[in-house]
Structures are given as structure tokens and as C-alpha cells.
C-alpha atoms as a PDB file:
ATOM      1  CA  MET A   1      42.956  37.630  62.336  1.00  0.00           C
ATOM      2  CA  SER A   2      43.209  37.293  58.622  1.00  0.00           C
ATOM      3  CA  ASP A   3      41.285  39.738  56.459  1.00  0.00           C
ATOM      4  CA  GLU A   4      40.987  37.183  53.672  1.00  0.00           C
ATOM      5  CA  PRO A   5      37.440  35.961  53.134  1.00  0.00           C
ATOM      6  CA  THR A   6      36.656  32.395  54.145  1.00  0.00           C
ATOM      7  CA  ARG A   7      34.764  29.939  51.954  1.00  0.00           C
ATOM      8  CA  ARG A   8      31.643  30.714  53.984  1.00  0.00           C
ATOM      9  CA  ASP A   9      32.226  34.412  53.411  1.00  0.00           C
ATOM     10  CA  GLU A  10      32.647  33.856  49.683  1.00  0.00           C
ATOM     11  CA  GLY A  11      29.310  32.095  49.570  1.00  0.00           C
ATOM     12  CA  ARG A  12      27.662  34.858  51.557  1.00  0.00           C
ATOM     13  CA  THR A  13      28.950  37.621  49.335  1.00  0.00           C
ATOM     14  CA  THR A  14      27.944  35.844  46.129  1.00  0.00           C
ATOM     15  CA  ALA A  15      24.527  34.704  47.370  1.00  0.00           C
ATOM     16  CA  PRO A  16      22.603  37.667  45.936  1.00  0.00           C
ATOM     17  CA  VAL A  17      24.182  37.136  42.525  1.00  0.00           C
ATOM     18  CA  THR A  18      23.504  33.415  42.652  1.00  0.00           C
ATOM     19  CA  ALA A  19      19.896  33.986  43.630  1.00  0.00           C
ATOM     20  CA  LEU A  20      19.400  36.416  40.757  1.00  0.00           C
ATOM     21  CA  LEU A  21      20.972  34.008  38.268  1.00  0.00           C
ATOM     22  CA  LEU A  22      18.908  31.109  39.596  1.00  0.00           C
ATOM     23  CA  SER A  23      15.711  33.131  39.253  1.00  0.00           C
ATOM     24  CA  VAL A  24      16.495  33.868  35.615  1.00  0.00           C
ATOM     25  CA  LEU A  25      17.216  30.199  34.903  1.00  0.00           C
ATOM     26  CA  ILE A  26      14.010  29.043  36.567  1.00  0.00           C
ATOM     27  CA  LEU A  27      11.937  31.510  34.573  1.00  0.00           C
ATOM     28  CA  SER A  28      13.582  30.377  31.360  1.00  0.00           C
ATOM     29  CA  GLY A  29      12.970  26.707  32.169  1.00  0.00           C
ATOM     30  CA  ALA A  30      16.650  25.786  31.849  1.00  0.00           C
ATOM     31  CA  VAL A  31      16.850  24.195  35.311  1.00  0.00           C
ATOM     32  CA  ALA A  32      13.312  22.888  35.564  1.00  0.00           C
ATOM     33  CA  PRO A  33      14.328  19.195  35.895  1.00  0.00           C
ATOM     34  CA  ALA A  34      16.534  20.005  38.902  1.00  0.00           C
ATOM     35  CA  PHE A  35      13.552  21.381  40.798  1.00  0.00           C
ATOM     36  CA  GLY A  36      11.143  18.614  39.806  1.00  0.00           C
ATOM     37  CA  LEU A  37       9.427  20.694  37.124  1.00  0.00           C
ATOM     38  CA  GLN A  38       9.029  18.957  33.802  1.00  0.00           C
ATOM     39  CA  PRO A  39       9.352  21.217  30.758  1.00  0.00           C
ATOM     40  CA  GLN A  40       6.318  21.163  28.489  1.00  0.00           C
ATOM     41  CA  ASP A  41       6.713  18.690  25.639  1.00  0.00           C
ATOM     42  CA  ASP A  42       4.597  19.455  22.606  1.00  0.00           C
ATOM     43  CA  SER A  43       5.969  16.535  20.623  1.00  0.00           C
ATOM     44  CA  ARG A  44       3.761  13.549  19.847  1.00  0.00           C
ATOM     45  CA  PRO A  45       4.342  10.268  18.040  1.00  0.00           C
ATOM     46  CA  ALA A  46       4.115  10.617  14.293  1.00  0.00           C
ATOM     47  CA  ALA A  47       1.106   8.324  14.214  1.00  0.00           C
ATOM     48  CA  ASP A  48      -0.825  10.664  16.519  1.00  0.00           C
ATOM     49  CA  VAL A  49      -0.039  13.613  14.319  1.00  0.00           C
ATOM     50  CA  VAL A  50      -1.177  11.720  11.246  1.00  0.00           C
ATOM     51  CA  ALA A  51      -4.511  11.008  12.896  1.00  0.00           C
ATOM     52  CA  ASP A  52      -5.129  14.742  13.139  1.00  0.00           C
ATOM     53  CA  GLY A  53      -4.550  15.451   9.467  1.00  0.00           C
ATOM     54  CA  ALA A  54      -2.783  14.016   6.462  1.00  0.00           C
ATOM     55  CA  THR A  55      -0.768  17.148   5.770  1.00  0.00           C
ATOM     56  CA  GLN A  56       0.899  17.442   9.185  1.00  0.00           C
ATOM     57  CA  VAL A  57       3.549  14.760   8.645  1.00  0.00           C
ATOM     58  CA  SER A  58       5.539  13.572   5.664  1.00  0.00           C
ATOM     59  CA  HIS A  59       4.791  10.146   4.212  1.00  0.00           C
ATOM     60  CA  SER A  60       6.497   7.688   1.937  1.00  0.00           C
ATOM     61  CA  LYS A  61       5.564   7.754  -1.724  1.00  0.00           C
ATOM     62  CA  GLY A  62       2.212   6.105  -2.259  1.00  0.00           C
ATOM     63  CA  HIS A  63       0.951   6.578   1.308  1.00  0.00           C
ATOM     64  CA  PRO A  64      -2.873   6.749   1.316  1.00  0.00           C
ATOM     65  CA  ALA A  65      -2.767   9.875   3.484  1.00  0.00           C
ATOM     66  CA  THR A  66      -1.242  11.788   0.557  1.00  0.00           C
ATOM     67  CA  LEU A  67      -4.292  11.172  -1.631  1.00  0.00           C
ATOM     68  CA  PRO A  68      -6.748  14.002  -2.330  1.00  0.00           C
ATOM     69  CA  SER A  69      -9.503  14.396   0.274  1.00  0.00           C
ATOM     70  CA  ALA A  70      -7.852  11.839   2.568  1.00  0.00           C
ATOM     71  CA  GLU A  71      -9.306  11.633   6.076  1.00  0.00           C
ATOM     72  CA  VAL A  72      -7.037   9.878   8.570  1.00  0.00           C
ATOM     73  CA  THR A  73      -8.217   8.373  11.857  1.00  0.00           C
ATOM     74  CA  SER A  74      -6.799   5.968  14.429  1.00  0.00           C
ATOM     75  CA  LEU A  75      -8.509   2.663  15.138  1.00  0.00           C
ATOM     76  CA  ASN A  76      -8.719   0.919  18.498  1.00  0.00           C
ATOM     77  CA  GLU A  77      -6.641  -2.184  19.079  1.00  0.00           C
ATOM     78  CA  THR A  78      -8.716  -5.355  19.477  1.00  0.00           C
ATOM     79  CA  PRO A  79      -6.425  -8.310  20.278  1.00  0.00           C
ATOM     80  CA  ALA A  80      -8.986 -11.108  19.897  1.00  0.00           C
ATOM     81  CA  ASP A  81     -10.833 -12.024  16.702  1.00  0.00           C
ATOM     82  CA  GLU A  82     -13.597 -13.471  18.867  1.00  0.00           C
ATOM     83  CA  ALA A  83     -14.228 -10.042  20.363  1.00  0.00           C
ATOM     84  CA  VAL A  84     -14.746  -8.589  16.899  1.00  0.00           C
ATOM     85  CA  ARG A  85     -17.045 -11.361  15.723  1.00  0.00           C
ATOM     86  CA  ASN A  86     -19.117 -11.408  18.913  1.00  0.00           C
ATOM     87  CA  ALA A  87     -19.570  -7.658  19.191  1.00  0.00           C
ATOM     88  CA  SER A  88     -23.177  -6.618  18.905  1.00  0.00           C
ATOM     89  CA  LEU A  89     -24.217  -6.146  15.302  1.00  0.00           C
ATOM     90  CA  PRO A  90     -26.956  -3.822  14.082  1.00  0.00           C
ATOM     91  CA  GLU A  91     -30.134  -5.456  12.882  1.00  0.00           C
ATOM     92  CA  ASN A  92     -30.016  -6.611   9.243  1.00  0.00           C
ATOM     93  CA  ALA A  93     -26.245  -5.971   9.098  1.00  0.00           C
ATOM     94  CA  THR A  94     -24.036  -7.850   6.639  1.00  0.00           C
ATOM     95  CA  THR A  95     -20.390  -8.632   7.396  1.00  0.00           C
ATOM     96  CA  LYS A  96     -17.330  -9.423   5.307  1.00  0.00           C
ATOM     97  CA  ARG A  97     -13.972 -10.331   6.832  1.00  0.00           C
ATOM     98  CA  VAL A  98     -10.660  -9.510   5.143  1.00  0.00           C
ATOM     99  CA  THR A  99      -7.168 -10.589   6.221  1.00  0.00           C
ATOM    100  CA  LEU A 100      -4.416  -8.077   5.450  1.00  0.00           C
ATOM    101  CA  LEU A 101      -0.925  -8.963   4.260  1.00  0.00           C
ATOM    102  CA  THR A 102       0.415  -7.623   7.559  1.00  0.00           C
ATOM    103  CA  GLY A 103      -1.608 -10.190   9.517  1.00  0.00           C
ATOM    104  CA  GLN A 104      -4.477  -8.139  10.925  1.00  0.00           C
ATOM    105  CA  THR A 105      -8.115  -8.727  10.026  1.00  0.00           C
ATOM    106  CA  VAL A 106     -10.804  -6.188   9.187  1.00  0.00           C
ATOM    107  CA  THR A 107     -14.504  -6.950   9.466  1.00  0.00           C
ATOM    108  CA  VAL A 108     -16.653  -4.760   7.234  1.00  0.00           C
ATOM    109  CA  VAL A 109     -20.082  -4.261   8.781  1.00  0.00           C
ATOM    110  CA  GLU A 110     -22.672  -2.775   6.438  1.00  0.00           C
ATOM    111  CA  THR A 111     -26.095  -1.572   7.545  1.00  0.00           C
ATOM    112  CA  GLY A 112     -28.057   0.373   4.976  1.00  0.00           C
ATOM    113  CA  ASN A 113     -25.920   3.335   3.965  1.00  0.00           C
ATOM    114  CA  ARG A 114     -23.570   2.972   6.939  1.00  0.00           C
ATOM    115  CA  THR A 115     -20.290   1.036   6.838  1.00  0.00           C
ATOM    116  CA  GLU A 116     -18.214   0.223   9.917  1.00  0.00           C
ATOM    117  CA  TYR A 117     -14.692  -1.242   9.990  1.00  0.00           C
ATOM    118  CA  ARG A 118     -13.889  -3.455  12.979  1.00  0.00           C
ATOM    119  CA  VAL A 119     -10.220  -4.299  13.323  1.00  0.00           C
ATOM    120  CA  SER A 120      -8.649  -7.289  15.038  1.00  0.00           C
ATOM    121  CA  ALA A 121      -5.060  -6.275  15.777  1.00  0.00           C
ATOM    122  CA  ASP A 122      -2.505  -6.039  18.553  1.00  0.00           C
ATOM    123  CA  VAL A 123      -0.728  -3.064  16.989  1.00  0.00           C
ATOM    124  CA  ARG A 124      -1.727   0.522  16.322  1.00  0.00           C
ATOM    125  CA  MET A 125      -3.898   0.784  13.229  1.00  0.00           C
ATOM    126  CA  GLN A 126      -5.049   3.645  11.039  1.00  0.00           C
ATOM    127  CA  LYS A 127      -7.873   4.175   8.589  1.00  0.00           C
ATOM    128  CA  VAL A 128      -7.648   6.500   5.604  1.00  0.00           C
ATOM    129  CA  SER A 129     -10.867   7.312   3.780  1.00  0.00           C
ATOM    130  CA  THR A 130     -11.027   8.962   0.366  1.00  0.00           C
ATOM    131  CA  GLY A 131     -13.897   9.452  -1.997  1.00  0.00           C
ATOM    132  CA  ASN A 132     -13.354   6.042  -3.588  1.00  0.00           C
ATOM    133  CA  SER A 133     -11.440   3.909  -1.099  1.00  0.00           C
ATOM    134  CA  THR A 134     -10.987   2.965   2.550  1.00  0.00           C
ATOM    135  CA  TYR A 135      -7.499   1.901   3.597  1.00  0.00           C
ATOM    136  CA  VAL A 136      -6.812   0.115   6.887  1.00  0.00           C
ATOM    137  CA  PHE A 137      -3.213  -0.621   7.873  1.00  0.00           C
ATOM    138  CA  PRO A 138      -0.750  -0.787  10.785  1.00  0.00           C
ATOM    139  CA  VAL A 139       1.167   2.357  11.639  1.00  0.00           C
ATOM    140  CA  GLY A 140       4.602   2.274  10.009  1.00  0.00           C
ATOM    141  CA  VAL A 141       3.876   0.430   6.747  1.00  0.00           C
ATOM    142  CA  ASP A 142       6.337   1.468   4.028  1.00  0.00           C
ATOM    143  CA  PHE A 143       4.072   2.406   1.139  1.00  0.00           C
ATOM    144  CA  GLY A 144       7.094   3.061  -0.992  1.00  0.00           C
ATOM    145  CA  LYS A 145       7.553  -0.716  -1.033  1.00  0.00           C
ATOM    146  CA  PHE A 146       4.068  -2.089  -0.360  1.00  0.00           C
ATOM    147  CA  ASP A 147       1.251  -1.238  -2.765  1.00  0.00           C
ATOM    148  CA  ARG A 148      -1.553   0.640  -1.006  1.00  0.00           C
ATOM    149  CA  HIS A 149      -4.140  -1.560  -2.766  1.00  0.00           C
ATOM    150  CA  LEU A 150      -3.053  -4.347  -0.412  1.00  0.00           C
ATOM    151  CA  PHE A 151      -4.795  -2.336   2.336  1.00  0.00           C
ATOM    152  CA  ASP A 152      -7.766  -0.982   0.381  1.00  0.00           C
ATOM    153  CA  VAL A 153     -10.456  -2.965   2.175  1.00  0.00           C
ATOM    154  CA  GLU A 154     -13.289  -2.089  -0.202  1.00  0.00           C
ATOM    155  CA  PHE A 155     -11.160  -3.000  -3.204  1.00  0.00           C
ATOM    156  CA  LEU A 156     -10.086  -6.308  -1.627  1.00  0.00           C
ATOM    157  CA  VAL A 157     -13.757  -7.166  -1.163  1.00  0.00           C
ATOM    158  CA  GLN A 158     -14.476  -6.308  -4.814  1.00  0.00           C
ATOM    159  CA  GLN A 159     -11.535  -8.485  -5.853  1.00  0.00           C
ATOM    160  CA  ASN A 160     -13.195 -11.444  -4.097  1.00  0.00           C
ATOM    161  CA  LEU A 161     -10.399 -11.666  -1.531  1.00  0.00           C
ATOM    162  CA  THR A 162     -12.555 -11.955   1.598  1.00  0.00           C
ATOM    163  CA  ASP A 163     -11.752 -14.784   3.986  1.00  0.00           C
ATOM    164  CA  ALA A 164     -14.958 -16.547   2.962  1.00  0.00           C
ATOM    165  CA  GLU A 165     -13.864 -16.593  -0.694  1.00  0.00           C
ATOM    166  CA  THR A 166     -10.136 -17.344  -0.603  1.00  0.00           C
ATOM    167  CA  ASP A 167      -7.397 -18.434   1.794  1.00  0.00           C
ATOM    168  CA  SER A 168      -4.584 -16.533   0.056  1.00  0.00           C
ATOM    169  CA  ILE A 169      -3.577 -13.095  -1.227  1.00  0.00           C
ATOM    170  CA  PRO A 170      -2.186 -12.710  -4.789  1.00  0.00           C
ATOM    171  CA  ILE A 171       0.924 -10.545  -5.056  1.00  0.00           C
ATOM    172  CA  ILE A 172       3.570  -9.512  -7.574  1.00  0.00           C
ATOM    173  CA  VAL A 173       7.090  -8.708  -6.400  1.00  0.00           C
ATOM    174  CA  SER A 174       9.629  -6.817  -8.504  1.00  0.00           C
ATOM    175  CA  GLU A 175      13.344  -6.438  -8.051  1.00  0.00           C
ATOM    176  CA  ASP A 176      15.162  -3.398  -6.762  1.00  0.00           C
ATOM    177  CA  GLY A 177      16.000  -0.912  -9.491  1.00  0.00           C
ATOM    178  CA  GLN A 178      13.206  -1.810 -11.903  1.00  0.00           C
ATOM    179  CA  GLY A 179      11.096   1.244 -11.130  1.00  0.00           C
ATOM    180  CA  ASP A 180       7.923   1.834 -13.152  1.00  0.00           C
ATOM    181  CA  TYR A 181       9.342   1.149 -16.618  1.00  0.00           C
ATOM    182  CA  ILE A 182       7.886  -2.249 -17.352  1.00  0.00           C
ATOM    183  CA  VAL A 183       6.998  -2.398 -21.026  1.00  0.00           C
ATOM    184  CA  THR A 184      10.140  -4.277 -22.057  1.00  0.00           C
ATOM    185  CA  GLY A 185      12.417  -6.855 -20.511  1.00  0.00           C
ATOM    186  CA  ASP A 186      16.055  -7.881 -20.454  1.00  0.00           C
ATOM    187  CA  THR A 187      17.910 -11.152 -20.088  1.00  0.00           C
ATOM    188  CA  GLN A 188      18.346 -10.896 -16.307  1.00  0.00           C
ATOM    189  CA  THR A 189      16.610 -13.731 -14.487  1.00  0.00           C
ATOM    190  CA  THR A 190      14.278 -12.983 -11.616  1.00  0.00           C
ATOM    191  CA  ASP A 191      13.542 -16.593 -10.729  1.00  0.00           C
ATOM    192  CA  GLY A 192      13.713 -17.284  -6.995  1.00  0.00           C
ATOM    193  CA  MET A 193      12.648 -13.955  -5.477  1.00  0.00           C
ATOM    194  CA  LEU A 194       9.792 -15.610  -3.602  1.00  0.00           C
ATOM    195  CA  ASP A 195      11.666 -18.750  -2.570  1.00  0.00           C
ATOM    196  CA  SER A 196      12.629 -17.369   0.840  1.00  0.00           C
ATOM    197  CA  VAL A 197       9.219 -15.872   1.657  1.00  0.00           C
ATOM    198  CA  THR A 198       7.172 -17.883   4.140  1.00  0.00           C
ATOM    199  CA  GLY A 199       3.834 -19.294   2.999  1.00  0.00           C
ATOM    200  CA  VAL A 200       4.052 -18.187  -0.647  1.00  0.00           C
ATOM    201  CA  GLU A 201       3.009 -20.406  -3.542  1.00  0.00           C
ATOM    202  CA  LYS A 202       4.765 -19.192  -6.658  1.00  0.00           C
ATOM    203  CA  GLN A 203       2.446 -18.729  -9.647  1.00  0.00           C
ATOM    204  CA  ALA A 204       4.617 -17.382 -12.454  1.00  0.00           C
ATOM    205  CA  THR A 205       7.905 -15.749 -13.384  1.00  0.00           C
ATOM    206  CA  LEU A 206       7.228 -12.527 -15.282  1.00  0.00           C
ATOM    207  CA  GLU A 207      10.482 -12.103 -17.168  1.00  0.00           C
ATOM    208  CA  SER A 208       9.293  -9.166 -19.272  1.00  0.00           C
ATOM    209  CA  ILE A 209       8.930  -7.008 -16.148  1.00  0.00           C
ATOM    210  CA  ASP A 210      11.570  -8.703 -13.967  1.00  0.00           C
ATOM    211  CA  ALA A 211       9.015  -9.849 -11.428  1.00  0.00           C
ATOM    212  CA  GLU A 212       7.386 -12.901  -9.888  1.00  0.00           C
ATOM    213  CA  ALA A 213       3.763 -13.610  -9.062  1.00  0.00           C
ATOM    214  CA  GLY A 214       2.575 -15.738  -6.171  1.00  0.00           C
ATOM    215  CA  ARG A 215      -0.137 -16.241  -3.578  1.00  0.00           C
ATOM    216  CA  VAL A 216       0.484 -15.722   0.134  1.00  0.00           C
ATOM    217  CA  SER A 217      -1.352 -18.089   2.454  1.00  0.00           C
ATOM    218  CA  LYS A 218      -3.460 -16.096   4.909  1.00  0.00           C
ATOM    219  CA  ALA A 219      -2.313 -18.469   7.626  1.00  0.00           C
ATOM    220  CA  ASP A 220       1.257 -17.170   7.143  1.00  0.00           C
ATOM    221  CA  VAL A 221       0.713 -13.542   6.159  1.00  0.00           C
ATOM    222  CA  GLY A 222       2.391 -12.049   9.222  1.00  0.00           C
ATOM    223  CA  GLN A 223       5.682 -13.873   8.672  1.00  0.00           C
ATOM    224  CA  ALA A 224       5.453 -13.438   4.901  1.00  0.00           C
ATOM    225  CA  TYR A 225       5.115  -9.687   5.382  1.00  0.00           C
ATOM    226  CA  ALA A 226       8.175  -9.682   7.657  1.00  0.00           C
ATOM    227  CA  ASP A 227      10.186 -11.628   5.057  1.00  0.00           C
ATOM    228  CA  LEU A 228       9.165  -9.280   2.242  1.00  0.00           C
ATOM    229  CA  LYS A 229       9.898  -6.230   4.365  1.00  0.00           C
ATOM    230  CA  ALA A 230      13.377  -7.480   5.294  1.00  0.00           C
ATOM    231  CA  ASP A 231      14.405  -8.452   1.741  1.00  0.00           C
ATOM    232  CA  ASP A 232      16.291  -5.463   0.347  1.00  0.00           C
ATOM    233  CA  THR A 233      16.445  -7.005  -3.142  1.00  0.00           C
ATOM    234  CA  ILE A 234      12.659  -6.645  -3.488  1.00  0.00           C
ATOM    235  CA  GLU A 235      11.707  -3.102  -4.434  1.00  0.00           C
ATOM    236  CA  LYS A 236       7.931  -3.387  -4.745  1.00  0.00           C
ATOM    237  CA  VAL A 237       5.173  -5.684  -3.522  1.00  0.00           C
ATOM    238  CA  THR A 238       1.893  -5.095  -5.336  1.00  0.00           C
ATOM    239  CA  LEU A 239      -1.547  -6.659  -5.307  1.00  0.00           C
ATOM    240  CA  ASP A 240      -2.019  -8.886  -8.351  1.00  0.00           C
ATOM    241  CA  ILE A 241      -5.219  -7.205  -9.494  1.00  0.00           C
ATOM    242  CA  LYS A 242      -7.858  -8.934 -11.595  1.00  0.00           C
ATOM    243  CA  TYR A 243      -9.393  -6.953 -14.427  1.00  0.00           C
ATOM    244  CA  ARG A 244     -12.606  -7.263 -16.363  1.00  0.00           C
ATOM    245  CA  THR A 245     -12.216  -5.825 -19.842  1.00  0.00           C
ATOM    246  CA  ASP A 246     -15.062  -3.609 -20.949  1.00  0.00           C
ATOM    247  CA  LEU A 247     -15.755  -1.503 -24.010  1.00  0.00           C
ATOM    248  CA  ALA A 248     -19.243  -0.319 -23.111  1.00  0.00           C
ATOM    249  CA  ALA A 249     -18.300   3.309 -23.703  1.00  0.00           C
ATOM    250  CA  THR A 250     -17.151   2.651 -27.281  1.00  0.00           C
ATOM    251  CA  ASP A 251     -19.582  -0.095 -28.241  1.00  0.00           C
ATOM    252  CA  ASP A 252     -22.025   2.330 -29.835  1.00  0.00           C
ATOM    253  CA  ALA A 253     -19.265   4.040 -31.800  1.00  0.00           C
ATOM    254  CA  VAL A 254     -18.500   0.889 -33.812  1.00  0.00           C
ATOM    255  CA  SER A 255     -22.011  -0.656 -33.663  1.00  0.00           C
ATOM    256  CA  ALA A 256     -20.601  -3.880 -32.232  1.00  0.00           C
ATOM    257  CA  SER A 257     -23.867  -4.852 -30.559  1.00  0.00           C
ATOM    258  CA  GLN A 258     -25.779  -4.314 -33.780  1.00  0.00           C
ATOM    259  CA  ALA A 259     -23.251  -6.438 -35.693  1.00  0.00           C
ATOM    260  CA  ARG A 260     -23.639  -9.287 -33.227  1.00  0.00           C
ATOM    261  CA  LYS A 261     -27.407  -9.035 -33.546  1.00  0.00           C
ATOM    262  CA  ASP A 262     -27.539  -8.758 -37.349  1.00  0.00           C
ATOM    263  CA  TYR A 263     -24.747 -11.179 -38.293  1.00  0.00           C
ATOM    264  CA  GLY A 264     -24.391 -13.440 -35.269  1.00  0.00           C
ATOM    265  CA  VAL A 265     -20.690 -12.662 -34.838  1.00  0.00           C
ATOM    266  CA  SER A 266     -19.083 -12.688 -31.414  1.00  0.00           C
ATOM    267  CA  GLY A 267     -15.339 -12.562 -31.969  1.00  0.00           C
ATOM    268  CA  ASN A 268     -14.816 -16.145 -30.801  1.00  0.00           C
ATOM    269  CA  ASN A 269     -11.847 -17.937 -32.445  1.00  0.00           C
ATOM    270  CA  ALA A 270     -10.709 -14.747 -34.164  1.00  0.00           C
ATOM    271  CA  LYS A 271      -6.952 -14.691 -34.708  1.00  0.00           C
ATOM    272  CA  ILE A 272      -5.174 -11.630 -33.389  1.00  0.00           C
ATOM    273  CA  ALA A 273      -1.540 -10.587 -33.227  1.00  0.00           C
ATOM    274  CA  VAL A 274       0.434  -8.276 -30.992  1.00  0.00           C
ATOM    275  CA  LEU A 275       2.852  -6.365 -33.211  1.00  0.00           C
ATOM    276  CA  ASP A 276       5.968  -4.500 -32.231  1.00  0.00           C
ATOM    277  CA  THR A 277       7.568  -2.309 -34.893  1.00  0.00           C
ATOM    278  CA  GLY A 278      10.729  -1.839 -32.868  1.00  0.00           C
ATOM    279  CA  ILE A 279      12.566   1.409 -32.134  1.00  0.00           C
ATOM    280  CA  GLU A 280      14.704   3.913 -33.984  1.00  0.00           C
ATOM    281  CA  ASN A 281      18.096   3.370 -32.376  1.00  0.00           C
ATOM    282  CA  SER A 282      19.473   6.686 -33.579  1.00  0.00           C
ATOM    283  CA  HIS A 283      16.681   8.737 -32.029  1.00  0.00           C
ATOM    284  CA  PRO A 284      18.169  11.267 -29.553  1.00  0.00           C
ATOM    285  CA  ALA A 285      15.557  10.411 -26.929  1.00  0.00           C
ATOM    286  CA  ILE A 286      16.860   6.835 -26.676  1.00  0.00           C
ATOM    287  CA  ASP A 287      19.858   6.253 -24.437  1.00  0.00           C
ATOM    288  CA  ALA A 288      21.946   3.500 -25.967  1.00  0.00           C
ATOM    289  CA  SER A 289      23.173   2.353 -22.556  1.00  0.00           C
ATOM    290  CA  SER A 290      19.640   1.612 -21.375  1.00  0.00           C
ATOM    291  CA  ARG A 291      18.182  -0.089 -24.458  1.00  0.00           C
ATOM    292  CA  ARG A 292      16.479  -3.328 -23.691  1.00  0.00           C
ATOM    293  CA  ARG A 293      15.203  -6.102 -25.914  1.00  0.00           C
ATOM    294  CA  THR A 294      11.486  -6.324 -26.530  1.00  0.00           C
ATOM    295  CA  SER A 295       9.357  -9.434 -26.172  1.00  0.00           C
ATOM    296  CA  PRO A 296       8.848 -11.525 -29.324  1.00  0.00           C
ATOM    297  CA  VAL A 297       5.659 -11.159 -31.338  1.00  0.00           C
ATOM    298  CA  LYS A 298       3.049 -13.716 -30.360  1.00  0.00           C
ATOM    299  CA  GLU A 299      -0.069 -14.896 -32.136  1.00  0.00           C
ATOM    300  CA  THR A 300      -3.040 -16.033 -30.122  1.00  0.00           C
ATOM    301  CA  THR A 301      -6.637 -17.043 -30.609  1.00  0.00           C
ATOM    302  CA  THR A 302      -9.430 -15.514 -28.586  1.00  0.00           C
ATOM    303  CA  THR A 303     -11.830 -17.769 -26.701  1.00  0.00           C
ATOM    304  CA  THR A 304     -14.187 -15.035 -25.509  1.00  0.00           C
ATOM    305  CA  PRO A 305     -15.989 -12.188 -27.269  1.00  0.00           C
ATOM    306  CA  VAL A 306     -13.635  -9.396 -28.252  1.00  0.00           C
ATOM    307  CA  THR A 307     -14.342  -6.682 -25.710  1.00  0.00           C
ATOM    308  CA  ALA A 308     -10.748  -5.945 -24.742  1.00  0.00           C
ATOM    309  CA  ARG A 309      -9.764  -2.540 -23.470  1.00  0.00           C
ATOM    310  CA  THR A 310      -6.220  -1.208 -23.628  1.00  0.00           C
ATOM    311  CA  SER A 311      -4.699   1.224 -21.181  1.00  0.00           C
ATOM    312  CA  ARG A 312      -1.280   2.483 -20.143  1.00  0.00           C
ATOM    313  CA  VAL A 313       0.199   0.648 -17.191  1.00  0.00           C
ATOM    314  CA  SER A 314       2.560   2.060 -14.617  1.00  0.00           C
ATOM    315  CA  SER A 315       3.083  -0.710 -12.072  1.00  0.00           C
ATOM    316  CA  PRO A 316       3.621  -4.490 -12.163  1.00  0.00           C
ATOM    317  CA  ALA A 317       0.150  -5.014 -10.728  1.00  0.00           C
ATOM    318  CA  THR A 318      -1.448  -3.809 -13.956  1.00  0.00           C
ATOM    319  CA  THR A 319       0.419  -6.105 -16.348  1.00  0.00           C
ATOM    320  CA  ARG A 320      -1.501  -9.339 -15.857  1.00  0.00           C
ATOM    321  CA  VAL A 321      -4.980  -9.109 -17.334  1.00  0.00           C
ATOM    322  CA  THR A 322      -7.309 -11.880 -16.152  1.00  0.00           C
ATOM    323  CA  PRO A 323     -11.086 -12.160 -15.874  1.00  0.00           C
ATOM    324  CA  GLY A 324     -12.390 -10.191 -12.954  1.00  0.00           C
ATOM    325  CA  TRP A 325     -13.086  -6.677 -11.825  1.00  0.00           C
ATOM    326  CA  HIS A 326     -11.437  -3.405 -12.703  1.00  0.00           C
ATOM    327  CA  ARG A 327     -11.901   0.003 -11.147  1.00  0.00           C
ATOM    328  CA  THR A 328     -10.034   3.214 -11.681  1.00  0.00           C
ATOM    329  CA  ARG A 329      -8.316   3.892  -8.366  1.00  0.00           C
ATOM    330  CA  VAL A 330      -6.827   7.043  -6.854  1.00  0.00           C
END
């Protein structure tokens, strides 16, 4: 009879070692799936983490959650608009309905000092509240491309963009590579950026800032958003904000009100000019390779009292000054 160990014998002699090794692996969790034990998974979707705090996940530039004092919460999905409208409302409540560029609607319910935001959406939504604004948006919006004011519900209401007041959303789109330097223009044409975007009525070509302005029909916002998102040649989509010029803070300094009272002047039909003295080409701070022509000097005549206010602008949305409201945003 052979003294060589059989396969059965080999298994018997190594069993204690195998058992010890298996015990170590089980305790370490390395073989948990093989025994029907699922290892603990502490990971959660990024959106869930965001809901717990704005500082727990990184965001794209301009994300509302990066603002000071931002409070981030998740909102329940409500597929049907009818469900939102028919939900019980507090007594004496007032409602305003706003359609977002992404296609969802937000109903603002105000009762006394309490404001509630009811969302009609079939995707996951989030709300970011700061001291001055309330943003409502779908999870995953690229705020590096889409201006956060497009989702500032309170601001949209102040801009008279509720569904009861308008059936479109005004936007400005700028080309890739333009960045925030918008005070001068070049000879490159930007005409046609909005031609392939669904439901957009073009309003103007803004050659000085290489951008186009248009209004997106609220009936087509979902597809328009998809078109804008997919177009890599468009760098930024901003809300075309209306501004109301106001010099109340400086009126007393120049006694403008007293002048109107004493002399009956208002500033109507006064000729004004916008002057540009040019640049010093040899200045070391000016890169010759990036010099751009400036817009020609224009003369215009005012048709309203002179109460204009000037301020530095840093995005295409702040370049078109029209009658309306202005607030300093954060």
C-alpha cells in the first residue's frame, strides 16, 4: 500500500489551515459575498449628500449650494401639475406659479410670513435657501453653464416671469471661450447660436459681447434646455435680467429733487454721449495678442428723467439695461 497521501488525505491534513484562513477572511469581510453577507456600503448618491449640507460635496462654479449660509434640502417629486394645484391651501394663501428652463414648475404659496414651494416634477429636485434667494432646480444642473438666476424662484417672480404674466423666459447665450470679459467686442460673428434651439424666438445679436438674446417659449422649455445643454459651442446661458435704474442714494448729494422742484427740469430730451478715450497700446499690462476693438462712440437722447446708475458688470446678463427691477444678488 502506497505511503503517498491521497487527494482526500491532502484535504484532511490541510483542513485546519484552511479553516483558520477562512476565519480570518470572514472577519475581515473579504469573502462576505460568498457567504451571503453584504459588506456595509456607506456611499450615497451625490444628491443625497448635498441634501445634508452644502460643504459635503464639490459643486460646479456658480452652484447655489456654494453661496454663504446656503441651506440645501431635497424636494418630493410630484408628477402631476393638477396634484400641486389641487393640494389643500392654507386660508388666505396667495399663489404664484413659475416654469423653470428645465421644464419643471414651482408654485409659491405665501401665507402671512410663511412661504412654501410646491414642485411639479418627475425628477429629483433640490431647494437651496440663502438669506436673499431661494433656488429650486433638478439634481445635476451644470451651474458652470447655466446661470443660477434661472432657478432663483423669488427673483423670477420679481422679474415678472410668473406663468400668469408671461409665456416665455428671456435668456442670453454666449459662445465658448468668451469668459467674463465683456466690455469690448471683436469682428467675430455670433449670429445663429440660437437657431438650433427648440422654441426660442431670437431677440437680438449682441456683437459687443459675442452673444445672442432670445426668449424661450415655456411650452418648449424642456427640449430647449436639452438643446442648450448639448451644444458645446455655447459656454454660458444667463437670465436676461431687467433693471430699474435708481439714484435715490445720491439724489440728496446733488440736490436733484430740489432742482426739479425749483426749475422744473427733468432731464427729458437731454443729449448725452458715451465716450471712449481708447487705450495706451504700449502699456505693459496690455497683451498685444489679445487687444480687441472697442465699440464706436454713440450719441443718444434721453426720453426719461436722468436717474441712471452705473455699475461694473461681470456677466452677459448684466449688459442689457431695460426698464424693470434690479436687486443685488449673492
